[in-house]
């Protein structure tokens, strides 16, 4: 697995500097494409590390959890940037695809927030709180979209999933 992580690190090292200097207004399509690739890569690395730590026979070292959180927080940071950019677009040809992209980014961010690790329970609750904020933002966006467009069955299911997470997260935070 070290080679896999080295590959992820190399891709991150190549993509992050480019994404950070490209003007998302002037080069919207390129910025979005590279940002989505970066988010996808960080999310994959996060999932791989999460699964590895979950299956570990003994308690992993603190440094392993730090690596998990670096991947997760990177995916969150860039995922939110992509979601926020998509949410501000006015002229969109394929509305359903656009909404699906926003949903995918927001659901991924919420999922990662709920899997970040810290020994301090207050920090965990803070992560859950941020996940909750994220789901509420998605719910608001979907409600706005719904006032102007019909929901497909898939969008309706994802909207309901979002509402369910909004109901469940406060219970986890107690």
Foldseek 3Di string as FASTA:
>chain_A
DVVLVVVLVVLLVVLVVVLVPDDCVVPVVVNLVSLVVNLVSLLVVLVVLLVVCVPDPDHDDPVSLVSSVVSLVSSLVSLVVNLVVLLPDDDDDDVVVSLVSNLVSLVSNLVSLCSRDDPDLVSNLVSLVVSLVSLVVNLVSLVVVVVPDPDDVVRVVSNVVSVVSNVPSVVVSD
